[in-house]
C-alpha atoms as a PDB file:
ATOM      1  CA  MET A   1     -78.719 -27.725  33.776  1.00  0.00           C
ATOM      2  CA  LYS A   2     -75.280 -26.521  34.764  1.00  0.00           C
ATOM      3  CA  LYS A   3     -74.981 -24.421  37.879  1.00  0.00           C
ATOM      4  CA  PHE A   4     -73.708 -20.935  37.289  1.00  0.00           C
ATOM      5  CA  GLN A   5     -70.536 -20.245  39.274  1.00  0.00           C
ATOM      6  CA  LEU A   6     -68.857 -16.920  39.698  1.00  0.00           C
ATOM      7  CA  PRO A   7     -65.239 -16.986  38.594  1.00  0.00           C
ATOM      8  CA  LYS A   8     -62.742 -17.012  41.463  1.00  0.00           C
ATOM      9  CA  ILE A   9     -60.947 -13.741  41.860  1.00  0.00           C
ATOM     10  CA  THR A  10     -57.219 -14.360  42.318  1.00  0.00           C
ATOM     11  CA  LEU A  11     -54.413 -11.913  42.794  1.00  0.00           C
ATOM     12  CA  LYS A  12     -51.518 -12.022  40.420  1.00  0.00           C
ATOM     13  CA  GLY A  13     -48.098 -13.146  41.601  1.00  0.00           C
ATOM     14  CA  LYS A  14     -46.695  -9.690  42.276  1.00  0.00           C
ATOM     15  CA  ALA A  15     -49.825  -8.547  44.079  1.00  0.00           C
ATOM     16  CA  LYS A  16     -49.748 -11.665  46.279  1.00  0.00           C
ATOM     17  CA  ARG A  17     -46.130 -11.030  47.172  1.00  0.00           C
ATOM     18  CA  ILE A  18     -46.972  -7.448  48.102  1.00  0.00           C
ATOM     19  CA  VAL A  19     -49.806  -8.641  50.363  1.00  0.00           C
ATOM     20  CA  VAL A  20     -47.587 -11.261  52.032  1.00  0.00           C
ATOM     21  CA  LYS A  21     -44.764  -8.764  52.557  1.00  0.00           C
ATOM     22  CA  ALA A  22     -47.250  -6.277  53.999  1.00  0.00           C
ATOM     23  CA  LYS A  23     -48.461  -8.910  56.493  1.00  0.00           C
ATOM     24  CA  ILE A  24     -44.889  -9.743  57.470  1.00  0.00           C
ATOM     25  CA  LYS A  25     -44.016  -6.087  57.973  1.00  0.00           C
ATOM     26  CA  SER A  26     -47.401  -5.165  59.448  1.00  0.00           C
ATOM     27  CA  PRO A  27     -46.012  -4.499  62.980  1.00  0.00           C
ATOM     28  CA  THR A  28     -43.483  -2.026  61.563  1.00  0.00           C
ATOM     29  CA  ILE A  29     -46.080  -0.406  59.324  1.00  0.00           C
ATOM     30  CA  MET A  30     -48.541  -0.106  62.209  1.00  0.00           C
ATOM     31  CA  ILE A  31     -46.025   1.329  64.670  1.00  0.00           C
ATOM     32  CA  VAL A  32     -44.822   3.911  62.121  1.00  0.00           C
ATOM     33  CA  ALA A  33     -48.412   4.823  61.269  1.00  0.00           C
ATOM     34  CA  GLY A  34     -49.266   4.979  64.972  1.00  0.00           C
ATOM     35  CA  VAL A  35     -46.390   7.301  65.852  1.00  0.00           C
ATOM     36  CA  ALA A  36     -47.115   9.503  62.829  1.00  0.00           C
ATOM     37  CA  GLY A  37     -50.793   9.568  63.811  1.00  0.00           C
ATOM     38  CA  VAL A  38     -50.014  10.579  67.398  1.00  0.00           C
ATOM     39  CA  VAL A  39     -47.870  13.449  66.141  1.00  0.00           C
ATOM     40  CA  GLY A  40     -50.505  14.432  63.566  1.00  0.00           C
ATOM     41  CA  GLY A  41     -53.297  14.219  66.121  1.00  0.00           C
ATOM     42  CA  THR A  42     -51.352  16.455  68.501  1.00  0.00           C
ATOM     43  CA  VAL A  43     -50.855  19.043  65.753  1.00  0.00           C
ATOM     44  CA  MET A  44     -54.570  18.894  64.925  1.00  0.00           C
ATOM     45  CA  ALA A  45     -55.453  19.357  68.598  1.00  0.00           C
ATOM     46  CA  CYS A  46     -53.163  22.402  68.805  1.00  0.00           C
ATOM     47  CA  ARG A  47     -54.807  23.930  65.756  1.00  0.00           C
ATOM     48  CA  ALA A  48     -58.246  23.220  67.221  1.00  0.00           C
ATOM     49  CA  THR A  49     -57.226  24.944  70.453  1.00  0.00           C
ATOM     50  CA  MET A  50     -56.467  28.111  68.487  1.00  0.00           C
ATOM     51  CA  LYS A  51     -60.124  28.127  67.362  1.00  0.00           C
ATOM     52  CA  LEU A  52     -61.490  27.328  70.819  1.00  0.00           C
ATOM     53  CA  LYS A  53     -61.532  30.837  72.321  1.00  0.00           C
ATOM     54  CA  PRO A  54     -64.006  32.339  69.796  1.00  0.00           C
ATOM     55  CA  ILE A  55     -66.420  29.454  70.435  1.00  0.00           C
ATOM     56  CA  LEU A  56     -66.193  29.875  74.214  1.00  0.00           C
ATOM     57  CA  ASP A  57     -66.538  33.641  73.914  1.00  0.00           C
ATOM     58  CA  GLU A  58     -69.599  33.195  71.722  1.00  0.00           C
ATOM     59  CA  GLY A  59     -71.155  30.812  74.248  1.00  0.00           C
ATOM     60  CA  LYS A  60     -70.360  33.143  77.135  1.00  0.00           C
ATOM     61  CA  GLU A  61     -71.866  36.066  75.262  1.00  0.00           C
ATOM     62  CA  ALA A  62     -75.042  34.084  74.546  1.00  0.00           C
ATOM     63  CA  THR A  63     -75.323  33.131  78.233  1.00  0.00           C
ATOM     64  CA  ASN A  64     -74.892  36.745  79.286  1.00  0.00           C
ATOM     65  CA  ASP A  65     -77.621  37.749  76.844  1.00  0.00           C
ATOM     66  CA  ILE A  66     -79.969  35.225  78.481  1.00  0.00           C
ATOM     67  CA  HIS A  67     -79.244  36.587  81.959  1.00  0.00           C
ATOM     68  CA  GLU A  68     -79.632  40.147  80.701  1.00  0.00           C
ATOM     69  CA  TYR A  69     -82.958  39.340  79.073  1.00  0.00           C
ATOM     70  CA  ALA A  70     -84.191  37.540  82.207  1.00  0.00           C
ATOM     71  CA  SER A  71     -83.622  40.679  84.275  1.00  0.00           C
ATOM     72  CA  SER A  72     -85.268  43.003  81.740  1.00  0.00           C
ATOM     73  CA  ASP A  73     -88.744  44.536  82.099  1.00  0.00           C
ATOM     74  CA  GLU A  74     -89.875  42.801  78.912  1.00  0.00           C
ATOM     75  CA  ALA A  75     -89.144  39.360  80.414  1.00  0.00           C
ATOM     76  CA  LYS A  76     -90.955  40.258  83.615  1.00  0.00           C
ATOM     77  CA  GLU A  77     -94.000  41.431  81.676  1.00  0.00           C
ATOM     78  CA  LYS A  78     -94.066  38.158  79.727  1.00  0.00           C
ATOM     79  CA  GLY A  79     -93.689  36.127  82.937  1.00  0.00           C
ATOM     80  CA  TYR A  80     -90.241  34.767  82.086  1.00  0.00           C
ATOM     81  CA  THR A  81     -89.419  32.528  85.037  1.00  0.00           C
ATOM     82  CA  GLU A  82     -86.084  31.601  86.625  1.00  0.00           C
ATOM     83  CA  LYS A  83     -86.652  27.984  85.569  1.00  0.00           C
ATOM     84  CA  GLU A  84     -86.939  29.032  81.932  1.00  0.00           C
ATOM     85  CA  GLU A  85     -83.772  31.079  82.323  1.00  0.00           C
ATOM     86  CA  THR A  86     -81.864  28.084  83.717  1.00  0.00           C
ATOM     87  CA  LYS A  87     -83.159  25.865  80.916  1.00  0.00           C
ATOM     88  CA  ALA A  88     -82.046  28.370  78.283  1.00  0.00           C
ATOM     89  CA  VAL A  89     -78.566  28.567  79.833  1.00  0.00           C
ATOM     90  CA  VAL A  90     -78.274  24.758  79.857  1.00  0.00           C
ATOM     91  CA  VAL A  91     -79.324  24.561  76.197  1.00  0.00           C
ATOM     92  CA  GLU A  92     -76.774  27.217  75.258  1.00  0.00           C
ATOM     93  CA  ASN A  93     -74.035  25.417  77.206  1.00  0.00           C
ATOM     94  CA  LEU A  94     -74.887  22.162  75.412  1.00  0.00           C
ATOM     95  CA  LYS A  95     -74.631  23.927  72.064  1.00  0.00           C
ATOM     96  CA  THR A  96     -71.202  25.277  73.035  1.00  0.00           C
ATOM     97  CA  ALA A  97     -70.094  21.826  74.219  1.00  0.00           C
ATOM     98  CA  GLY A  98     -71.254  20.325  70.921  1.00  0.00           C
ATOM     99  CA  LYS A  99     -69.187  22.853  68.987  1.00  0.00           C
ATOM    100  CA  VAL A 100     -66.121  22.039  71.136  1.00  0.00           C
ATOM    101  CA  VAL A 101     -66.596  18.295  70.589  1.00  0.00           C
ATOM    102  CA  LYS A 102     -66.966  18.842  66.853  1.00  0.00           C
ATOM    103  CA  LEU A 103     -63.826  20.982  66.892  1.00  0.00           C
ATOM    104  CA  TYR A 104     -61.685  18.341  68.635  1.00  0.00           C
ATOM    105  CA  ALA A 105     -63.346  15.229  67.151  1.00  0.00           C
ATOM    106  CA  PRO A 106     -60.913  14.807  64.199  1.00  0.00           C
ATOM    107  CA  ALA A 107     -57.878  15.028  66.502  1.00  0.00           C
ATOM    108  CA  VAL A 108     -59.412  12.568  68.990  1.00  0.00           C
ATOM    109  CA  VAL A 109     -60.268  10.086  66.217  1.00  0.00           C
ATOM    110  CA  VAL A 110     -56.745  10.284  64.761  1.00  0.00           C
ATOM    111  CA  GLU A 111     -55.204   9.797  68.227  1.00  0.00           C
ATOM    112  CA  ALA A 112     -57.494   6.835  68.980  1.00  0.00           C
ATOM    113  CA  VAL A 113     -56.697   5.126  65.666  1.00  0.00           C
ATOM    114  CA  SER A 114     -52.979   5.789  66.185  1.00  0.00           C
ATOM    115  CA  ILE A 115     -52.995   4.267  69.661  1.00  0.00           C
ATOM    116  CA  GLY A 116     -54.938   1.317  68.226  1.00  0.00           C
ATOM    117  CA  CYS A 117     -52.181   0.818  65.627  1.00  0.00           C
ATOM    118  CA  ILE A 118     -49.481   0.843  68.306  1.00  0.00           C
ATOM    119  CA  VAL A 119     -51.392  -1.613  70.518  1.00  0.00           C
ATOM    120  CA  GLY A 120     -52.160  -3.812  67.500  1.00  0.00           C
ATOM    121  CA  SER A 121     -48.486  -3.864  66.533  1.00  0.00           C
ATOM    122  CA  HIS A 122     -47.577  -4.952  70.057  1.00  0.00           C
ATOM    123  CA  LYS A 123     -50.166  -7.758  69.983  1.00  0.00           C
ATOM    124  CA  ILE A 124     -48.875  -9.083  66.643  1.00  0.00           C
ATOM    125  CA  LEU A 125     -45.271  -9.062  67.879  1.00  0.00           C
ATOM    126  CA  THR A 126     -46.302 -10.749  71.140  1.00  0.00           C
ATOM    127  CA  LYS A 127     -48.039 -13.552  69.232  1.00  0.00           C
ATOM    128  CA  ARG A 128     -45.020 -13.990  66.975  1.00  0.00           C
ATOM    129  CA  ASN A 129     -42.640 -14.062  69.941  1.00  0.00           C
ATOM    130  CA  VAL A 130     -44.791 -16.685  71.650  1.00  0.00           C
ATOM    131  CA  GLY A 131     -44.686 -18.769  68.486  1.00  0.00           C
ATOM    132  CA  LEU A 132     -40.916 -18.381  68.162  1.00  0.00           C
ATOM    133  CA  ALA A 133     -40.403 -19.240  71.822  1.00  0.00           C
ATOM    134  CA  GLY A 134     -42.523 -22.366  71.426  1.00  0.00           C
ATOM    135  CA  ALA A 135     -40.629 -23.435  68.312  1.00  0.00           C
ATOM    136  CA  TYR A 136     -37.279 -22.769  69.991  1.00  0.00           C
ATOM    137  CA  ALA A 137     -38.303 -24.745  73.074  1.00  0.00           C
ATOM    138  CA  ALA A 138     -39.469 -27.644  70.876  1.00  0.00           C
ATOM    139  CA  VAL A 139     -36.165 -27.706  68.978  1.00  0.00           C
ATOM    140  CA  GLN A 140     -34.185 -27.637  72.218  1.00  0.00           C
ATOM    141  CA  LYS A 141     -36.278 -30.453  73.671  1.00  0.00           C
ATOM    142  CA  GLU A 142     -35.811 -32.558  70.537  1.00  0.00           C
ATOM    143  CA  PHE A 143     -32.056 -31.971  70.626  1.00  0.00           C
ATOM    144  CA  LYS A 144     -31.873 -32.801  74.338  1.00  0.00           C
ATOM    145  CA  ASP A 145     -33.886 -35.987  73.825  1.00  0.00           C
ATOM    146  CA  TYR A 146     -31.591 -36.920  70.943  1.00  0.00           C
ATOM    147  CA  ARG A 147     -28.474 -36.409  73.084  1.00  0.00           C
ATOM    148  CA  ASP A 148     -30.034 -38.403  75.919  1.00  0.00           C
ATOM    149  CA  ARG A 149     -30.617 -41.290  73.516  1.00  0.00           C
ATOM    150  CA  VAL A 150     -27.020 -41.067  72.285  1.00  0.00           C
ATOM    151  CA  VAL A 151     -25.734 -41.146  75.871  1.00  0.00           C
ATOM    152  CA  GLU A 152     -28.027 -44.053  76.747  1.00  0.00           C
ATOM    153  CA  ARG A 153     -26.961 -46.156  73.756  1.00  0.00           C
ATOM    154  CA  PHE A 154     -23.331 -45.172  73.176  1.00  0.00           C
ATOM    155  CA  GLY A 155     -22.221 -43.544  76.429  1.00  0.00           C
ATOM    156  CA  GLU A 156     -21.232 -40.056  77.561  1.00  0.00           C
ATOM    157  CA  ASP A 157     -17.770 -40.244  75.975  1.00  0.00           C
ATOM    158  CA  LEU A 158     -19.127 -40.520  72.437  1.00  0.00           C
ATOM    159  CA  ASP A 159     -21.678 -37.778  73.113  1.00  0.00           C
ATOM    160  CA  ARG A 160     -18.892 -35.471  74.302  1.00  0.00           C
ATOM    161  CA  GLU A 161     -16.716 -36.309  71.287  1.00  0.00           C
ATOM    162  CA  LEU A 162     -19.522 -35.563  68.832  1.00  0.00           C
ATOM    163  CA  LYS A 163     -20.635 -32.371  70.577  1.00  0.00           C
ATOM    164  CA  HIS A 164     -17.136 -30.876  70.800  1.00  0.00           C
ATOM    165  CA  ASN A 165     -15.774 -32.305  67.548  1.00  0.00           C
ATOM    166  CA  ILE A 166     -13.107 -34.309  69.369  1.00  0.00           C
ATOM    167  CA  THR A 167     -11.061 -36.727  67.273  1.00  0.00           C
ATOM    168  CA  ARG A 168      -8.469 -39.272  68.310  1.00  0.00           C
ATOM    169  CA  THR A 169      -5.068 -38.694  66.711  1.00  0.00           C
ATOM    170  CA  GLU A 170      -2.333 -41.329  66.697  1.00  0.00           C
ATOM    171  CA  TYR A 171       1.363 -40.502  66.859  1.00  0.00           C
ATOM    172  CA  LYS A 172       4.641 -42.367  67.292  1.00  0.00           C
ATOM    173  CA  GLU A 173       7.045 -41.870  70.162  1.00  0.00           C
ATOM    174  CA  LYS A 174      10.418 -43.404  70.918  1.00  0.00           C
ATOM    175  CA  GLU A 175      10.826 -44.998  74.346  1.00  0.00           C
ATOM    176  CA  THR A 176      13.482 -46.943  76.155  1.00  0.00           C
ATOM    177  CA  ASP A 177      12.337 -50.221  77.677  1.00  0.00           C
ATOM    178  CA  GLU A 178      13.550 -51.799  80.911  1.00  0.00           C
ATOM    179  CA  ASN A 179      16.363 -53.562  79.037  1.00  0.00           C
ATOM    180  CA  GLY A 180      17.704 -50.271  77.684  1.00  0.00           C
ATOM    181  CA  LYS A 181      16.554 -50.874  74.133  1.00  0.00           C
ATOM    182  CA  ASN A 182      14.968 -48.082  72.093  1.00  0.00           C
ATOM    183  CA  LYS A 183      11.659 -48.835  70.477  1.00  0.00           C
ATOM    184  CA  THR A 184       8.902 -46.904  68.716  1.00  0.00           C
ATOM    185  CA  VAL A 185       5.527 -46.943  70.435  1.00  0.00           C
ATOM    186  CA  LYS A 186       2.196 -45.862  68.947  1.00  0.00           C
ATOM    187  CA  LYS A 187       0.140 -43.577  71.164  1.00  0.00           C
ATOM    188  CA  SER A 188      -3.094 -41.653  70.760  1.00  0.00           C
ATOM    189  CA  VAL A 189      -4.487 -38.404  72.089  1.00  0.00           C
ATOM    190  CA  ASP A 190      -7.884 -36.707  71.938  1.00  0.00           C
ATOM    191  CA  VAL A 191      -7.798 -33.418  70.018  1.00  0.00           C
ATOM    192  CA  ALA A 192     -10.654 -30.898  70.187  1.00  0.00           C
ATOM    193  CA  GLY A 193     -11.928 -29.239  67.025  1.00  0.00           C
ATOM    194  CA  ASP A 194     -10.805 -25.744  66.021  1.00  0.00           C
ATOM    195  CA  GLY A 195     -13.490 -23.749  67.827  1.00  0.00           C
ATOM    196  CA  THR A 196     -16.459 -25.601  66.384  1.00  0.00           C
ATOM    197  CA  GLY A 197     -16.953 -27.321  69.737  1.00  0.00           C
ATOM    198  CA  TYR A 198     -18.003 -24.081  71.423  1.00  0.00           C
ATOM    199  CA  SER A 199     -21.640 -23.195  71.977  1.00  0.00           C
ATOM    200  CA  GLY A 200     -23.308 -19.912  71.104  1.00  0.00           C
ATOM    201  CA  TYR A 201     -23.061 -18.873  74.765  1.00  0.00           C
ATOM    202  CA  ALA A 202     -19.233 -18.866  74.788  1.00  0.00           C
ATOM    203  CA  LYS A 203     -17.582 -15.568  75.786  1.00  0.00           C
ATOM    204  CA  PHE A 204     -13.984 -14.450  76.269  1.00  0.00           C
ATOM    205  CA  PHE A 205     -12.938 -13.408  79.755  1.00  0.00           C
ATOM    206  CA  ASP A 206     -10.301 -10.803  78.946  1.00  0.00           C
ATOM    207  CA  GLU A 207      -9.285  -7.146  79.250  1.00  0.00           C
ATOM    208  CA  ALA A 208     -12.790  -5.994  78.259  1.00  0.00           C
ATOM    209  CA  SER A 209     -14.040  -7.108  81.692  1.00  0.00           C
ATOM    210  CA  ARG A 210     -13.357  -4.978  84.758  1.00  0.00           C
ATOM    211  CA  GLU A 211     -13.094  -8.218  86.768  1.00  0.00           C
ATOM    212  CA  PHE A 212     -10.134  -9.396  84.650  1.00  0.00           C
ATOM    213  CA  THR A 213      -6.688  -8.970  86.281  1.00  0.00           C
ATOM    214  CA  GLY A 214      -4.407 -10.713  83.783  1.00  0.00           C
ATOM    215  CA  ASP A 215      -3.125 -13.016  86.527  1.00  0.00           C
ATOM    216  CA  PRO A 216      -4.226 -16.543  85.444  1.00  0.00           C
ATOM    217  CA  GLU A 217      -4.068 -17.899  88.992  1.00  0.00           C
ATOM    218  CA  HIS A 218      -6.199 -15.093  90.440  1.00  0.00           C
ATOM    219  CA  ASP A 219      -8.658 -15.126  87.520  1.00  0.00           C
ATOM    220  CA  LYS A 220      -8.986 -18.917  87.681  1.00  0.00           C
ATOM    221  CA  TRP A 221      -9.832 -18.654  91.393  1.00  0.00           C
ATOM    222  CA  PHE A 222     -12.352 -15.843  90.685  1.00  0.00           C
ATOM    223  CA  LEU A 223     -14.085 -17.799  87.890  1.00  0.00           C
ATOM    224  CA  MET A 224     -14.293 -21.023  89.899  1.00  0.00           C
ATOM    225  CA  ARG A 225     -15.774 -19.125  92.857  1.00  0.00           C
ATOM    226  CA  ALA A 226     -18.275 -17.477  90.481  1.00  0.00           C
ATOM    227  CA  GLU A 227     -19.261 -20.893  89.125  1.00  0.00           C
ATOM    228  CA  GLU A 228     -19.810 -22.146  92.682  1.00  0.00           C
ATOM    229  CA  LEU A 229     -21.740 -18.979  93.610  1.00  0.00           C
ATOM    230  CA  PHE A 230     -24.212 -19.352  90.743  1.00  0.00           C
ATOM    231  CA  ASN A 231     -24.720 -23.069  91.380  1.00  0.00           C
ATOM    232  CA  ASN A 232     -25.704 -22.133  94.939  1.00  0.00           C
ATOM    233  CA  LYS A 233     -27.990 -19.425  93.532  1.00  0.00           C
ATOM    234  CA  LEU A 234     -29.525 -22.028  91.202  1.00  0.00           C
ATOM    235  CA  ARG A 235     -30.368 -24.273  94.158  1.00  0.00           C
ATOM    236  CA  THR A 236     -31.726 -21.332  96.171  1.00  0.00           C
ATOM    237  CA  ASP A 237     -33.751 -19.448  93.539  1.00  0.00           C
ATOM    238  CA  GLY A 238     -34.613 -22.395  91.305  1.00  0.00           C
ATOM    239  CA  PHE A 239     -33.342 -20.742  88.120  1.00  0.00           C
ATOM    240  CA  VAL A 240     -30.517 -18.562  86.773  1.00  0.00           C
ATOM    241  CA  PHE A 241     -30.417 -16.568  83.526  1.00  0.00           C
ATOM    242  CA  ILE A 242     -27.104 -16.503  81.687  1.00  0.00           C
ATOM    243  CA  ASN A 243     -27.339 -12.701  81.561  1.00  0.00           C
ATOM    244  CA  ASP A 244     -26.996 -12.762  85.367  1.00  0.00           C
ATOM    245  CA  ILE A 245     -23.628 -14.472  84.956  1.00  0.00           C
ATOM    246  CA  TYR A 246     -22.603 -12.092  82.183  1.00  0.00           C
ATOM    247  CA  ASP A 247     -23.390  -9.176  84.517  1.00  0.00           C
ATOM    248  CA  TYR A 248     -21.314 -10.681  87.327  1.00  0.00           C
ATOM    249  CA  LEU A 249     -18.339 -11.232  85.002  1.00  0.00           C
ATOM    250  CA  ASP A 250     -18.807  -7.782  83.395  1.00  0.00           C
ATOM    251  CA  ILE A 251     -19.503  -9.340  80.000  1.00  0.00           C
ATOM    252  CA  PRO A 252     -22.038  -7.609  77.698  1.00  0.00           C
ATOM    253  CA  ARG A 253     -25.570  -8.986  77.894  1.00  0.00           C
ATOM    254  CA  THR A 254     -27.189 -10.745  74.936  1.00  0.00           C
ATOM    255  CA  GLN A 255     -30.784 -10.928  73.735  1.00  0.00           C
ATOM    256  CA  GLN A 256     -30.706 -14.712  74.066  1.00  0.00           C
ATOM    257  CA  GLY A 257     -29.484 -14.307  77.635  1.00  0.00           C
ATOM    258  CA  GLN A 258     -32.929 -12.959  78.613  1.00  0.00           C
ATOM    259  CA  THR A 259     -34.563 -16.309  77.868  1.00  0.00           C
ATOM    260  CA  ASP A 260     -31.807 -18.906  78.344  1.00  0.00           C
ATOM    261  CA  GLY A 261     -30.198 -20.264  81.478  1.00  0.00           C
ATOM    262  CA  TRP A 262     -30.592 -23.090  83.974  1.00  0.00           C
ATOM    263  CA  VAL A 263     -33.524 -24.495  85.972  1.00  0.00           C
ATOM    264  CA  TYR A 264     -32.954 -26.514  89.138  1.00  0.00           C
ATOM    265  CA  ASP A 265     -34.213 -30.097  89.019  1.00  0.00           C
ATOM    266  CA  ALA A 266     -34.914 -31.214  92.594  1.00  0.00           C
ATOM    267  CA  GLU A 267     -35.207 -34.866  91.518  1.00  0.00           C
ATOM    268  CA  HIS A 268     -31.844 -34.766  89.724  1.00  0.00           C
ATOM    269  CA  PRO A 269     -29.922 -31.953  91.470  1.00  0.00           C
ATOM    270  CA  ASP A 270     -26.583 -32.799  89.846  1.00  0.00           C
ATOM    271  CA  ALA A 271     -27.883 -33.555  86.353  1.00  0.00           C
ATOM    272  CA  TYR A 272     -27.485 -30.111  84.745  1.00  0.00           C
ATOM    273  CA  PRO A 273     -25.174 -27.924  86.858  1.00  0.00           C
ATOM    274  CA  ILE A 274     -23.836 -24.548  85.786  1.00  0.00           C
ATOM    275  CA  SER A 275     -20.391 -25.050  84.284  1.00  0.00           C
ATOM    276  CA  PHE A 276     -17.971 -22.503  82.809  1.00  0.00           C
ATOM    277  CA  ASP A 277     -16.029 -25.389  81.195  1.00  0.00           C
ATOM    278  CA  ILE A 278     -12.772 -24.115  82.705  1.00  0.00           C
ATOM    279  CA  MET A 279     -11.293 -27.533  83.491  1.00  0.00           C
ATOM    280  CA  ASN A 280     -11.855 -29.004  80.013  1.00  0.00           C
ATOM    281  CA  ILE A 281      -8.619 -30.931  79.455  1.00  0.00           C
ATOM    282  CA  ASN A 282      -9.473 -31.527  75.802  1.00  0.00           C
ATOM    283  CA  LYS A 283      -8.946 -27.856  74.938  1.00  0.00           C
ATOM    284  CA  GLU A 284      -5.339 -26.718  74.684  1.00  0.00           C
ATOM    285  CA  ALA A 285      -6.178 -23.085  75.509  1.00  0.00           C
ATOM    286  CA  ASN A 286      -7.983 -24.150  78.692  1.00  0.00           C
ATOM    287  CA  ARG A 287      -5.028 -26.276  79.791  1.00  0.00           C
ATOM    288  CA  ARG A 288      -2.681 -23.335  79.261  1.00  0.00           C
ATOM    289  CA  PHE A 289      -4.960 -21.031  81.281  1.00  0.00           C
ATOM    290  CA  VAL A 290      -5.303 -23.500  84.156  1.00  0.00           C
ATOM    291  CA  ASN A 291      -1.521 -24.030  84.252  1.00  0.00           C
ATOM    292  CA  GLY A 292      -0.878 -20.280  84.293  1.00  0.00           C
ATOM    293  CA  TYR A 293       0.618 -19.908  80.794  1.00  0.00           C
ATOM    294  CA  GLU A 294      -2.326 -18.093  79.193  1.00  0.00           C
ATOM    295  CA  PRO A 295      -4.100 -15.085  80.815  1.00  0.00           C
ATOM    296  CA  VAL A 296      -7.238 -15.179  78.631  1.00  0.00           C
ATOM    297  CA  ILE A 297      -9.832 -17.953  78.510  1.00  0.00           C
ATOM    298  CA  LEU A 298     -12.883 -18.584  76.342  1.00  0.00           C
ATOM    299  CA  LEU A 299     -15.645 -19.559  78.762  1.00  0.00           C
ATOM    300  CA  ASP A 300     -18.310 -21.922  77.469  1.00  0.00           C
ATOM    301  CA  PHE A 301     -21.422 -22.233  79.603  1.00  0.00           C
ATOM    302  CA  LYS A 302     -22.590 -25.835  79.670  1.00  0.00           C
ATOM    303  CA  ASN A 303     -26.176 -27.088  80.074  1.00  0.00           C
ATOM    304  CA  CYS A 304     -27.580 -23.641  79.227  1.00  0.00           C
ATOM    305  CA  ARG A 305     -30.932 -23.748  77.417  1.00  0.00           C
ATOM    306  CA  TYR A 306     -34.261 -21.965  76.916  1.00  0.00           C
ATOM    307  CA  ILE A 307     -36.011 -21.848  80.309  1.00  0.00           C
ATOM    308  CA  LEU A 308     -38.939 -19.395  80.127  1.00  0.00           C
ATOM    309  CA  ASP A 309     -41.383 -22.280  79.724  1.00  0.00           C
ATOM    310  CA  GLN A 310     -40.000 -24.020  82.844  1.00  0.00           C
ATOM    311  CA  ILE A 311     -40.027 -21.211  85.401  1.00  0.00           C
END
């Protein structure tokens, strides 16, 4: 005998997409609902307050009636005691309190649910941020391990060439030898890529910064002293966020700058220093800045990475 099985209930494609999109946007939906609920609950509480006075007046009037009856001749004849009077007042006060609770209950419930939505939205976003941070840290670790293997097998020169898109270009040049004869000699030079060698942390140090003077010699001295200052801070504090450097140079902060920076490695103190990449001879613009021909420089902060999991 075949077993009877209920058919599986499945959502259609469009319905599934709606559910998935709702889950993705659930923090936004919850925060909007929470804020709207807080506003709505406040309005409801204000309306309830307008109805509060009649309830309190009614309760006060009932209490006064009890006291008035207790002091009457009729109550004395019936042996109405002070204890019974107190009990009656308590009962009346409880009735009034119940009416007040009932009056404000809808507003309180709406406010509680609204606050729950806001807190729930925060929890969802926190979990997602933790997941993103973990994934980002894993990717950075994999990339670092990969670069370490490249350096170990092929050397630092090849790693630098690949990272900064440096290519070797050959050219011919005429020279005069010791015998006075002219001859053509082949030479080669390393040429950096057209901007693709810069990291996502790179920032221009220019007129937008209040620390910028336009004097290449002065600005070079200032930047090199800043680099030295933050390397000392790294050794002292154990870590430095790149936003700290942006603040010092009067460069706008970034969201990534709240999580990325440098962590001091006591076992390898010189392995990952803070570098502004000023003295990079493979970049024409840097050479012009260092030699005083160019007032503006594009700073690229080397060895910067995600560090929240290492502090």
